[in-house]
Amino acid sequence: MEALLELLQQNARLGPAQLAERLGQDEAVVAARVAELEKEKVILGYHGVIDRDKAGNHNVAAFIEVKLMPERGGGFDRLAQRIAKFDQVTSCFLMSGGYDLAVFVEGEDLREVARFVAERLSTIEGVQSTATHFQLKVYKQNGFLAEVEAEATRLPVAP
């Protein structure tokens, strides 16, 4: 199973025949296994890794550190699930360390993200504090290196 999942993580476009060939298994067996993993929610979905700049998507992405007051009987789970349901949230993780949740969000501009934090996220009972970090440039995403344009040659600076 791990080899199958690893192949799909590397390239979700591989079909059952290609997967079977690489795994040295029967195509029908591999197709059935993929269907089973999808049904069991081991495979949650498929997506492409997109260079947003080249695609013309100029949305703003941000990473938000969230400190929570755990709920009696529920810990962090209910709050995290509530936060994860917001449309702006693309990913949400329980973390160890100095904050409790790592929340990744997208918005059309800085103001939209700021409004989400101020009006929706920070007003939830149990949210103690937030710290927002805006994404400036992508070098690697989901295991894929981004093509980074070489910066213009700088002239040497002499005293």
Protein backbone atom coordinates (compact mmCIF):
# COMPACT_ATOMS: atom_id res chain seq x y z
CA MET A 1 0.00 0.00 0.00
CA GLU A 2 2.78 2.47 0.87
CA ALA A 3 4.39 2.14 -2.56
CA LEU A 4 1.04 2.77 -4.26
CA LEU A 5 0.36 5.85 -2.14
CA GLU A 6 3.87 7.18 -2.73
CA LEU A 7 3.45 6.84 -6.50
CA LEU A 8 0.13 8.68 -6.36
CA GLN A 9 1.64 11.45 -4.23
CA GLN A 10 4.43 11.92 -6.75
CA ASN A 11 2.06 11.93 -9.73
CA ALA A 12 -1.70 11.64 -9.21
CA ARG A 13 -2.20 11.49 -12.98
CA LEU A 14 -0.86 7.95 -13.19
CA GLY A 15 -3.60 5.58 -14.30
CA PRO A 16 -4.17 2.03 -13.08
CA ALA A 17 -2.12 0.54 -15.95
CA GLN A 18 0.88 2.77 -15.20
CA LEU A 19 0.62 2.15 -11.47
CA ALA A 20 0.35 -1.61 -11.99
CA GLU A 21 3.39 -1.61 -14.28
CA ARG A 22 5.52 0.31 -11.77
CA LEU A 23 4.36 -1.86 -8.88
CA GLY A 24 4.64 -5.13 -10.78
CA GLN A 25 1.00 -5.98 -10.05
CA ASP A 26 -2.16 -6.72 -11.98
CA GLU A 27 -4.02 -3.64 -13.25
CA ALA A 28 -7.39 -4.81 -11.92
CA VAL A 29 -5.92 -5.41 -8.46
CA VAL A 30 -4.36 -1.93 -8.40
CA ALA A 31 -7.57 -0.26 -9.62
CA ALA A 32 -9.57 -2.08 -6.95
CA ARG A 33 -7.05 -1.08 -4.27
CA VAL A 34 -7.19 2.60 -5.30
CA ALA A 35 -11.01 2.50 -5.19
CA GLU A 36 -10.87 0.90 -1.74
CA LEU A 37 -8.41 3.54 -0.46
CA GLU A 38 -10.67 6.31 -1.79
CA LYS A 39 -13.73 4.74 -0.12
CA GLU A 40 -11.87 4.39 3.19
CA LYS A 41 -10.79 8.06 2.94
CA VAL A 42 -7.10 7.11 3.01
CA ILE A 43 -6.91 8.99 -0.30
CA LEU A 44 -8.74 12.24 0.42
CA GLY A 45 -8.49 13.70 -3.07
CA TYR A 46 -6.24 14.63 -5.95
CA HIS A 47 -4.88 17.98 -6.99
CA GLY A 48 -2.31 19.56 -9.24
CA VAL A 49 0.51 21.69 -7.93
CA ILE A 50 0.03 25.04 -9.66
CA ASP A 51 2.47 27.91 -10.12
CA ARG A 52 -0.01 30.60 -9.10
CA ASP A 53 1.98 33.45 -10.63
CA LYS A 54 2.15 31.80 -14.05
CA ALA A 55 -1.54 30.89 -13.82
CA GLY A 56 -2.42 34.52 -13.13
CA ASN A 57 -3.74 33.78 -9.63
CA HIS A 58 -2.64 36.74 -7.54
CA ASN A 59 -4.48 35.81 -4.36
CA VAL A 60 -2.69 36.40 -1.09
CA ALA A 61 -1.68 33.38 0.96
CA ALA A 62 -0.97 33.53 4.67
CA PHE A 63 0.07 31.23 7.49
CA ILE A 64 -1.56 32.00 10.83
CA GLU A 65 -0.29 30.79 14.20
CA VAL A 66 -3.28 30.32 16.50
CA LYS A 67 -3.16 29.84 20.27
CA LEU A 68 -6.26 28.20 21.72
CA MET A 69 -7.78 27.58 25.12
CA PRO A 70 -8.59 23.86 25.02
CA GLU A 71 -12.21 22.95 25.68
CA ARG A 72 -13.13 20.67 28.55
CA GLY A 73 -13.95 17.27 27.13
CA GLY A 74 -13.03 18.27 23.59
CA GLY A 75 -9.49 19.56 23.77
CA PHE A 76 -8.57 21.36 20.58
CA ASP A 77 -10.60 19.21 18.19
CA ARG A 78 -13.92 21.09 18.13
CA LEU A 79 -12.25 24.47 17.75
CA ALA A 80 -9.89 23.19 15.05
CA GLN A 81 -12.74 21.61 13.12
CA ARG A 82 -14.75 24.83 13.34
CA ILE A 83 -11.82 26.88 12.05
CA ALA A 84 -11.07 24.36 9.27
CA LYS A 85 -14.60 24.78 7.88
CA PHE A 86 -14.09 28.42 6.85
CA ASP A 87 -13.86 28.83 3.06
CA GLN A 88 -10.68 30.91 3.37
CA VAL A 89 -8.85 28.08 5.19
CA THR A 90 -6.90 25.81 2.84
CA SER A 91 -5.16 23.73 5.54
CA CYS A 92 -5.30 23.45 9.32
CA PHE A 93 -2.92 21.46 11.55
CA LEU A 94 -2.57 20.86 15.30
CA MET A 95 1.03 21.68 16.20
CA SER A 96 3.48 21.24 19.03
CA GLY A 97 5.50 24.19 20.24
CA GLY A 98 4.64 27.82 20.82
CA TYR A 99 1.18 27.79 19.23
CA ASP A 100 -1.58 25.22 18.83
CA LEU A 101 -2.85 25.48 15.25
CA ALA A 102 -1.15 26.23 11.95
CA VAL A 103 -3.84 27.68 9.71
CA PHE A 104 -3.20 28.38 6.02
CA VAL A 105 -5.58 30.81 4.33
CA GLU A 106 -6.07 32.51 0.98
CA GLY A 107 -7.79 35.77 0.12
CA GLU A 108 -8.06 38.16 -2.80
CA ASP A 109 -5.86 40.74 -1.03
CA LEU A 110 -4.24 41.64 2.29
CA ARG A 111 -7.40 43.33 3.52
CA GLU A 112 -9.53 40.23 2.96
CA VAL A 113 -7.12 38.08 4.97
CA ALA A 114 -6.88 40.74 7.70
CA ARG A 115 -10.68 40.99 7.83
CA PHE A 116 -10.96 37.20 8.13
CA VAL A 117 -8.52 37.20 11.06
CA ALA A 118 -10.09 40.20 12.81
CA GLU A 119 -13.77 39.45 12.26
CA ARG A 120 -14.03 35.67 12.04
CA LEU A 121 -11.01 33.86 13.45
CA SER A 122 -10.05 35.96 16.46
CA THR A 123 -13.66 36.39 17.59
CA ILE A 124 -14.15 32.64 18.16
CA GLU A 125 -14.45 31.85 21.85
CA GLY A 126 -11.34 29.89 22.80
CA VAL A 127 -9.00 31.67 20.37
CA GLN A 128 -6.45 33.40 22.60
CA SER A 129 -4.16 34.95 20.00
CA THR A 130 -3.10 34.89 16.37
CA ALA A 131 0.04 35.82 14.44
CA THR A 132 -0.29 36.19 10.67
CA HIS A 133 2.59 35.65 8.25
CA PHE A 134 2.06 36.49 4.56
CA GLN A 135 3.60 34.35 1.83
CA LEU A 136 5.99 36.42 -0.27
CA LYS A 137 7.50 33.92 -2.70
CA VAL A 138 7.32 30.17 -3.37
CA TYR A 139 10.52 28.16 -3.78
CA LYS A 140 9.10 24.67 -3.22
CA GLN A 141 5.52 23.48 -2.91
CA ASN A 142 4.28 19.98 -2.11
CA GLY A 143 7.64 18.51 -3.11
CA PHE A 144 7.96 20.44 -6.38
CA LEU A 145 10.59 23.12 -6.92
CA ALA A 146 9.23 26.34 -8.36
CA GLU A 147 10.96 27.96 -11.29
CA VAL A 148 12.55 31.05 -9.84
CA GLU A 149 13.46 33.77 -12.28
CA ALA A 150 17.03 35.00 -11.99
CA GLU A 151 17.07 38.50 -10.56
CA ALA A 152 18.51 41.26 -12.67
CA THR A 153 22.27 41.49 -12.42
CA ARG A 154 23.23 44.00 -9.77
CA LEU A 155 26.09 46.40 -10.21
CA PRO A 156 28.81 46.06 -7.60
CA VAL A 157 28.66 48.67 -4.87
CA ALA A 158 31.95 50.32 -4.04
CA PRO A 159 32.59 52.66 -1.11
